[in-house]
Amino acid sequence: MTIQELATEFALPTPPELPGYTWRPARREDVPAIHAMLIAVDKADDRTAAGTLEDRQREFDDPWSNPEADSLLAFAPDGTVAALARTFVNPKPEGESRAYLWDEVHPEHRRVGDLGEFLLSWLEARGRQRLQATPGDLPRVLRVGCQDNLHDRMALYERRGFQAVRYFYKMRRDLGQPIPDMPLAEGLTLRTYSPEMDHGTLEAFNESFSDHWGFERATQEDWQMFFVGRSSFRPEVTFLTLEGDRVIGFSVNYISPEDNARHGIQEGWIGSLGVRRAWRKRGVASALLCQSMRAFKAEGLDYATLGVDTENLTGALRLYERVGFVPVKRFITFAKPFRET
């Protein structure tokens, strides 16, 4: 579908006419060029979000977003990707229907024709259409987010009526410091992840995070694509806590040699740490966290890293601070209520 057909069929804003620039929806063959742009954005903005090319290729088929209708690329005169927009909407929302808006502009093209302004206009229009089409009468909202050092982007969001609604930390812990010994309570066991534990771990994940702000339940497809299917997923340093044969806690962990080399740091990521509600306040999360750090250290890493909602009601932030994690970056989620047009 051409950009003209896309704009006509979905009544979307038409891209600005910029000499030498071309526009069209993203295709699978564009993923390497998109990844190259994201690496440039990471470097300019002091981020670590580009990930690996393998992951970008797999995640291109995200079930929440049809690239032909829900994405837009700008190509510079030299054929490189200058800008990207894409919307994501859960096809089976629970409690609230959300359109997540993703916009990126290559640092070399940020002063060309107000690309950022146009991308947000396009994303809002497409996001509103997708929310309009969601079934039922759930509350609907548009969401965007960025790191808090991106002042121009934050100002753009605020000018367009988005308001900051939540803050998140990226936290890091020096593994050269002593790691506490946190034994499990009697009757609980600790083991590493293996594929036969996949279903039970996914069930524990969905139950553990069901009371977290903005949580969307993961399907088996989501689980495989974004959690245990990622190139950096490391089952041998991913830990589960069991009572009998039931998974009641988990620490799903990642190590990316590619990312570490690119950013000049040897770190492991504690991607998802959770405990079922009935087993909280019994030291399960502390034991999983410390075991993960010990495993990272045994792998020769220097740091453990994780992300946390600063208003997490389970006390996760306090736990991380107690065992030596400190904030190194802050991210902001902005939201704008959906209104019928």
Protein backbone atom coordinates (compact mmCIF):
# COMPACT_ATOMS: atom_id res chain seq x y z
CA MET A 1 0.00 0.00 0.00
CA THR A 2 1.38 3.41 -0.96
CA ILE A 3 1.39 6.30 1.49
CA GLN A 4 -1.30 8.01 -0.59
CA GLU A 5 -3.50 4.90 -0.44
CA LEU A 6 -2.87 4.58 3.28
CA ALA A 7 -3.78 8.23 3.90
CA THR A 8 -6.93 7.94 1.78
CA GLU A 9 -8.17 4.63 3.17
CA PHE A 10 -7.61 5.56 6.81
CA ALA A 11 -8.12 9.35 6.55
CA LEU A 12 -4.67 10.02 7.98
CA PRO A 13 -2.55 13.18 7.72
CA THR A 14 -0.51 13.39 4.53
CA PRO A 15 3.27 13.53 5.07
CA PRO A 16 5.02 16.83 4.40
CA GLU A 17 6.68 17.21 1.03
CA LEU A 18 10.39 17.29 1.76
CA PRO A 19 12.83 17.36 -1.18
CA GLY A 20 14.38 13.92 -1.64
CA TYR A 21 12.42 12.24 1.17
CA THR A 22 9.97 9.40 0.54
CA TRP A 23 7.31 7.81 2.73
CA ARG A 24 5.68 4.39 2.99
CA PRO A 25 4.66 1.74 5.54
CA ALA A 26 7.40 -0.42 7.01
CA ARG A 27 8.26 -3.76 5.41
CA ARG A 28 10.19 -6.71 6.77
CA GLU A 29 13.15 -5.92 4.52
CA ASP A 30 13.42 -2.50 6.22
CA VAL A 31 14.24 -3.98 9.64
CA PRO A 32 18.06 -3.74 9.29
CA ALA A 33 17.77 -0.05 8.32
CA ILE A 34 15.33 0.59 11.19
CA HIS A 35 17.73 -1.10 13.60
CA ALA A 36 20.60 1.05 12.32
CA MET A 37 18.50 4.18 12.96
CA LEU A 38 17.65 3.02 16.49
CA ILE A 39 21.33 2.50 17.25
CA ALA A 40 22.01 6.09 16.14
CA VAL A 41 19.11 7.31 18.32
CA ASP A 42 20.47 5.40 21.32
CA LYS A 43 23.88 7.00 20.88
CA ALA A 44 22.49 10.53 20.52
CA ASP A 45 19.99 10.25 23.37
CA ASP A 46 22.05 8.19 25.84
CA ARG A 47 19.60 5.27 25.62
CA THR A 48 19.89 1.48 25.48
CA ALA A 49 16.69 0.64 23.60
CA ALA A 50 17.78 -0.54 20.15
CA GLY A 51 18.22 -4.18 21.12
CA THR A 52 19.49 -6.72 18.64
CA LEU A 53 18.71 -7.06 14.95
CA GLU A 54 17.45 -10.59 15.59
CA ASP A 55 14.92 -9.31 18.11
CA ARG A 56 13.80 -6.48 15.84
CA GLN A 57 13.21 -8.96 13.02
CA ARG A 58 11.14 -11.25 15.23
CA GLU A 59 9.16 -8.43 16.85
CA PHE A 60 8.26 -6.97 13.46
CA ASP A 61 5.34 -9.42 13.51
CA ASP A 62 3.92 -8.00 16.75
CA PRO A 63 0.28 -9.20 16.91
CA TRP A 64 -0.82 -5.79 18.23
CA SER A 65 0.27 -3.93 15.10
CA ASN A 66 -0.19 -4.51 11.36
CA PRO A 67 2.84 -2.87 9.70
CA GLU A 68 0.96 -2.16 6.48
CA ALA A 69 -1.70 -0.08 8.23
CA ASP A 70 -0.11 0.89 11.54
CA SER A 71 3.40 2.02 10.58
CA LEU A 72 5.06 4.77 8.60
CA LEU A 73 8.68 5.27 7.57
CA ALA A 74 10.44 8.33 6.17
CA PHE A 75 13.44 7.62 3.97
CA ALA A 76 16.18 10.21 3.55
CA PRO A 77 17.60 11.05 0.12
CA ASP A 78 20.45 8.56 0.70
CA GLY A 79 17.94 5.74 1.33
CA THR A 80 18.47 5.48 5.09
CA VAL A 81 15.52 5.53 7.51
CA ALA A 82 15.01 9.07 8.78
CA ALA A 83 11.89 8.54 10.91
CA LEU A 84 9.54 5.86 12.16
CA ALA A 85 5.99 5.80 13.52
CA ARG A 86 4.00 2.76 14.64
CA THR A 87 0.90 2.13 16.74
CA PHE A 88 0.14 -0.86 18.96
CA VAL A 89 -3.27 -1.84 20.40
CA ASN A 90 -4.10 -4.97 22.35
CA PRO A 91 -6.78 -6.78 20.28
CA LYS A 92 -8.35 -8.15 23.50
CA PRO A 93 -8.02 -5.39 26.11
CA GLU A 94 -9.12 -5.81 29.71
CA GLY A 95 -10.18 -2.84 31.84
CA GLU A 96 -8.86 -0.17 29.47
CA SER A 97 -8.13 0.01 25.76
CA ARG A 98 -4.79 1.69 25.05
CA ALA A 99 -3.11 2.83 21.87
CA TYR A 100 0.65 2.89 22.35
CA LEU A 101 2.36 5.38 20.04
CA TRP A 102 6.00 4.88 19.03
CA ASP A 103 7.86 7.65 17.25
CA GLU A 104 11.57 7.96 16.45
CA VAL A 105 13.51 10.46 14.36
CA HIS A 106 17.13 9.92 13.36
CA PRO A 107 19.30 12.57 15.08
CA GLU A 108 20.56 13.85 11.71
CA HIS A 109 17.00 14.63 10.57
CA ARG A 110 15.40 16.17 13.64
CA ARG A 111 15.43 19.69 12.24
CA VAL A 112 13.98 18.69 8.87
CA GLY A 113 10.42 19.85 8.27
CA ASP A 114 9.07 19.30 11.78
CA LEU A 115 9.17 15.53 11.41
CA GLY A 116 8.43 15.05 15.10
CA GLU A 117 5.26 17.16 14.91
CA PHE A 118 3.98 15.28 11.88
CA LEU A 119 4.73 11.84 13.29
CA LEU A 120 2.78 12.58 16.45
CA SER A 121 -0.17 13.90 14.39
CA TRP A 122 -0.14 10.74 12.28
CA LEU A 123 0.15 8.47 15.32
CA GLU A 124 -2.67 10.22 17.15
CA ALA A 125 -4.95 9.94 14.14
CA ARG A 126 -4.19 6.26 13.60
CA GLY A 127 -4.32 5.55 17.33
CA ARG A 128 -7.76 7.17 17.61
CA GLN A 129 -9.01 5.09 14.69
CA ARG A 130 -7.79 1.90 16.26
CA LEU A 131 -9.34 2.78 19.62
CA GLN A 132 -12.60 3.65 17.87
CA ALA A 133 -12.64 0.13 16.44
CA THR A 134 -12.01 -1.70 19.72
CA PRO A 135 -15.05 -3.64 20.93
CA GLY A 136 -17.06 -2.79 24.02
CA ASP A 137 -17.24 0.41 26.02
CA LEU A 138 -13.95 0.26 27.92
CA PRO A 139 -12.15 3.51 28.77
CA ARG A 140 -9.74 4.42 25.96
CA VAL A 141 -6.46 6.29 26.09
CA LEU A 142 -3.44 7.22 23.95
CA ARG A 143 -0.01 6.67 25.48
CA VAL A 144 3.53 7.74 24.62
CA GLY A 145 6.74 7.70 26.60
CA CYS A 146 10.34 8.83 26.61
CA GLN A 147 13.45 9.18 28.71
CA ASP A 148 13.41 12.34 30.85
CA ASN A 149 16.48 13.87 29.22
CA LEU A 150 14.58 14.38 25.95
CA HIS A 151 13.22 17.81 26.77
CA ASP A 152 12.12 18.72 23.24
CA ARG A 153 10.06 15.55 22.92
CA MET A 154 8.52 16.01 26.37
CA ALA A 155 7.57 19.59 25.46
CA LEU A 156 5.98 18.37 22.22
CA TYR A 157 3.87 15.81 24.06
CA GLU A 158 2.70 18.42 26.55
CA ARG A 159 1.85 20.93 23.80
CA ARG A 160 -0.33 18.27 22.21
CA GLY A 161 -2.30 17.63 25.38
CA PHE A 162 -0.48 14.61 26.79
CA GLN A 163 0.14 14.62 30.53
CA ALA A 164 2.80 12.77 32.52
CA VAL A 165 1.03 9.96 34.38
CA ARG A 166 3.77 7.58 35.56
CA TYR A 167 7.51 7.49 36.19
CA PHE A 168 9.90 4.56 35.93
CA TYR A 169 13.51 4.07 36.93
CA LYS A 170 16.24 2.11 35.29
CA MET A 171 18.29 0.91 38.25
CA ARG A 172 21.76 -0.62 38.42
CA ARG A 173 23.68 -2.55 41.07
CA ASP A 174 27.46 -2.99 41.28
CA LEU A 175 28.13 -6.72 41.54
CA GLY A 176 31.53 -5.98 43.08
CA GLN A 177 29.72 -5.17 46.31
CA PRO A 178 28.74 -8.03 48.67
CA ILE A 179 25.53 -9.81 47.70
CA PRO A 180 23.33 -10.78 50.68
CA ASP A 181 22.43 -14.39 51.34
CA MET A 182 18.62 -14.60 51.20
CA PRO A 183 17.48 -18.19 51.83
CA LEU A 184 13.96 -19.31 50.97
CA ALA A 185 11.38 -20.27 53.58
CA GLU A 186 10.92 -23.95 54.39
CA GLY A 187 8.81 -25.75 51.80
CA LEU A 188 9.96 -23.59 48.88
CA THR A 189 12.56 -24.59 46.32
CA LEU A 190 14.67 -22.68 43.81
CA ARG A 191 15.50 -23.96 40.34
CA THR A 192 16.54 -22.66 36.94
CA TYR A 193 14.06 -22.26 34.12
CA SER A 194 13.54 -25.03 31.56
CA PRO A 195 10.98 -25.31 28.74
CA GLU A 196 8.68 -27.71 30.59
CA MET A 197 8.16 -24.94 33.18
CA ASP A 198 7.01 -22.50 30.51
CA HIS A 199 3.24 -22.74 31.03
CA GLY A 200 3.49 -22.49 34.82
CA THR A 201 5.85 -19.53 34.59
CA LEU A 202 3.50 -17.67 32.24
CA GLU A 203 0.58 -18.31 34.61
CA ALA A 204 2.64 -16.99 37.53
CA PHE A 205 3.68 -13.97 35.46
CA ASN A 206 0.10 -13.00 34.61
CA GLU A 207 -1.10 -13.48 38.18
CA SER A 208 1.86 -11.67 39.75
CA PHE A 209 1.54 -8.57 37.58
CA SER A 210 -2.26 -8.42 37.41
CA ASP A 211 -2.36 -5.70 40.10
CA HIS A 212 0.42 -3.60 38.53
CA TRP A 213 -0.35 -0.28 36.85
CA GLY A 214 -1.03 -0.59 33.12
CA PHE A 215 -0.45 -4.35 32.99
CA GLU A 216 -1.62 -6.22 29.88
CA ARG A 217 -1.94 -10.00 30.21
CA ALA A 218 0.56 -11.91 28.08
CA THR A 219 -0.67 -14.62 25.73
CA GLN A 220 1.48 -17.61 24.85
CA GLU A 221 2.36 -15.83 21.59
CA ASP A 222 3.42 -12.71 23.51
CA TRP A 223 5.43 -14.83 25.95
CA GLN A 224 7.38 -16.50 23.18
CA MET A 225 7.97 -13.32 21.19
CA PHE A 226 8.90 -10.86 23.93
CA PHE A 227 10.12 -12.93 26.89
CA VAL A 228 11.62 -16.40 26.43
CA GLY A 229 12.09 -16.00 22.67
CA ARG A 230 14.39 -12.99 22.83
CA SER A 231 17.96 -13.50 21.68
CA SER A 232 19.28 -12.34 25.05
CA PHE A 233 17.09 -14.65 27.17
CA ARG A 234 19.28 -16.86 29.35
CA PRO A 235 17.44 -19.85 30.85
CA GLU A 236 20.48 -20.92 32.84
CA VAL A 237 20.41 -17.67 34.84
CA THR A 238 16.60 -17.41 34.99
CA PHE A 239 15.25 -18.63 38.32
CA LEU A 240 11.92 -19.98 39.54
CA THR A 241 10.63 -20.48 43.05
CA LEU A 242 8.32 -23.46 43.48
CA GLU A 243 6.00 -24.75 46.16
CA GLY A 244 5.66 -28.39 45.23
CA ASP A 245 5.43 -28.27 41.44
CA ARG A 246 3.73 -24.85 41.26
CA VAL A 247 5.67 -21.77 40.16
CA ILE A 248 5.04 -19.05 42.74
CA GLY A 249 7.89 -16.67 41.88
CA PHE A 250 10.26 -15.99 38.99
CA SER A 251 13.15 -13.85 37.80
CA VAL A 252 13.31 -13.89 34.00
CA ASN A 253 16.81 -12.72 33.08
CA TYR A 254 18.75 -11.56 30.04
CA ILE A 255 22.35 -11.06 28.95
CA SER A 256 23.10 -9.42 25.60
CA PRO A 257 26.79 -9.51 24.58
CA GLU A 258 25.89 -7.34 21.58
CA ASP A 259 24.28 -4.61 23.68
CA ASN A 260 27.04 -4.79 26.28
CA ALA A 261 29.73 -4.34 23.64
CA ARG A 262 27.84 -1.47 22.01
CA HIS A 263 27.35 0.41 25.28
CA GLY A 264 30.67 -0.45 26.92
CA ILE A 265 29.23 -2.09 30.03
CA GLN A 266 29.05 -5.68 31.23
CA GLU A 267 25.56 -6.04 32.70
CA GLY A 268 22.77 -8.55 33.03
CA TRP A 269 19.10 -7.56 32.98
CA ILE A 270 16.56 -8.75 35.51
CA GLY A 271 13.72 -8.48 33.04
CA SER A 272 10.68 -9.65 35.03
CA LEU A 273 10.72 -10.33 38.76
CA GLY A 274 7.41 -11.32 40.32
CA VAL A 275 5.73 -13.29 43.10
CA ARG A 276 2.15 -14.50 43.27
CA ARG A 277 0.13 -12.42 45.71
CA ALA A 278 -0.42 -15.19 48.31
CA TRP A 279 3.37 -15.74 48.66
CA ARG A 280 4.45 -12.11 48.97
CA LYS A 281 6.19 -10.77 52.10
CA ARG A 282 7.96 -14.11 52.61
CA GLY A 283 11.36 -13.21 51.13
CA VAL A 284 10.74 -14.87 47.76
CA ALA A 285 11.53 -11.79 45.66
CA SER A 286 14.66 -11.05 47.71
CA ALA A 287 15.93 -14.61 47.26
CA LEU A 288 15.29 -14.55 43.50
CA LEU A 289 16.93 -11.14 43.15
CA CYS A 290 20.09 -12.11 45.03
CA GLN A 291 20.38 -15.45 43.26
CA SER A 292 20.13 -13.63 39.92
CA MET A 293 22.90 -11.23 40.96
CA ARG A 294 25.14 -14.11 42.03
CA ALA A 295 24.56 -15.82 38.69
CA PHE A 296 25.39 -12.65 36.78
CA LYS A 297 28.59 -12.26 38.77
CA ALA A 298 29.54 -15.87 38.03
CA GLU A 299 29.10 -15.05 34.32
CA GLY A 300 31.76 -12.35 34.69
CA LEU A 301 29.38 -9.40 34.58
CA ASP A 302 29.97 -6.19 36.50
CA TYR A 303 26.40 -4.96 37.01
CA ALA A 304 22.80 -6.07 37.39
CA THR A 305 20.16 -3.80 35.86
CA LEU A 306 16.37 -3.64 36.06
CA GLY A 307 13.40 -1.36 35.54
CA VAL A 308 10.78 -0.40 38.12
CA ASP A 309 7.60 1.62 38.41
CA THR A 310 8.42 4.31 40.99
CA GLU A 311 4.89 3.95 42.43
CA ASN A 312 4.82 0.15 42.48
CA LEU A 313 2.45 -0.86 45.28
CA THR A 314 4.26 -4.13 46.08
CA GLY A 315 7.27 -2.26 47.50
CA ALA A 316 9.59 -3.32 44.68
CA LEU A 317 11.48 -0.01 44.67
CA ARG A 318 12.24 -0.28 48.39
CA LEU A 319 13.44 -3.87 47.95
CA TYR A 320 15.81 -2.89 45.15
CA GLU A 321 17.19 0.02 47.14
CA ARG A 322 17.77 -2.22 50.18
CA VAL A 323 20.00 -4.58 48.21
CA GLY A 324 22.02 -1.78 46.62
CA PHE A 325 20.30 -0.81 43.35
CA VAL A 326 20.41 2.90 42.49
CA PRO A 327 18.52 4.84 39.78
CA VAL A 328 20.59 5.67 36.69
CA LYS A 329 17.83 6.86 34.31
CA ARG A 330 14.19 7.90 34.51
CA PHE A 331 11.41 7.34 31.98
CA ILE A 332 8.04 9.06 31.77
CA THR A 333 4.74 7.73 30.42
CA PHE A 334 2.39 10.37 29.03
CA ALA A 335 -1.31 9.80 28.41
CA LYS A 336 -4.13 11.56 26.60
CA PRO A 337 -7.78 10.50 26.94
CA PHE A 338 -9.50 9.29 23.80
CA ARG A 339 -12.26 11.57 22.55
CA GLU A 340 -14.75 10.78 19.82
CA THR A 341 -14.20 12.83 16.68
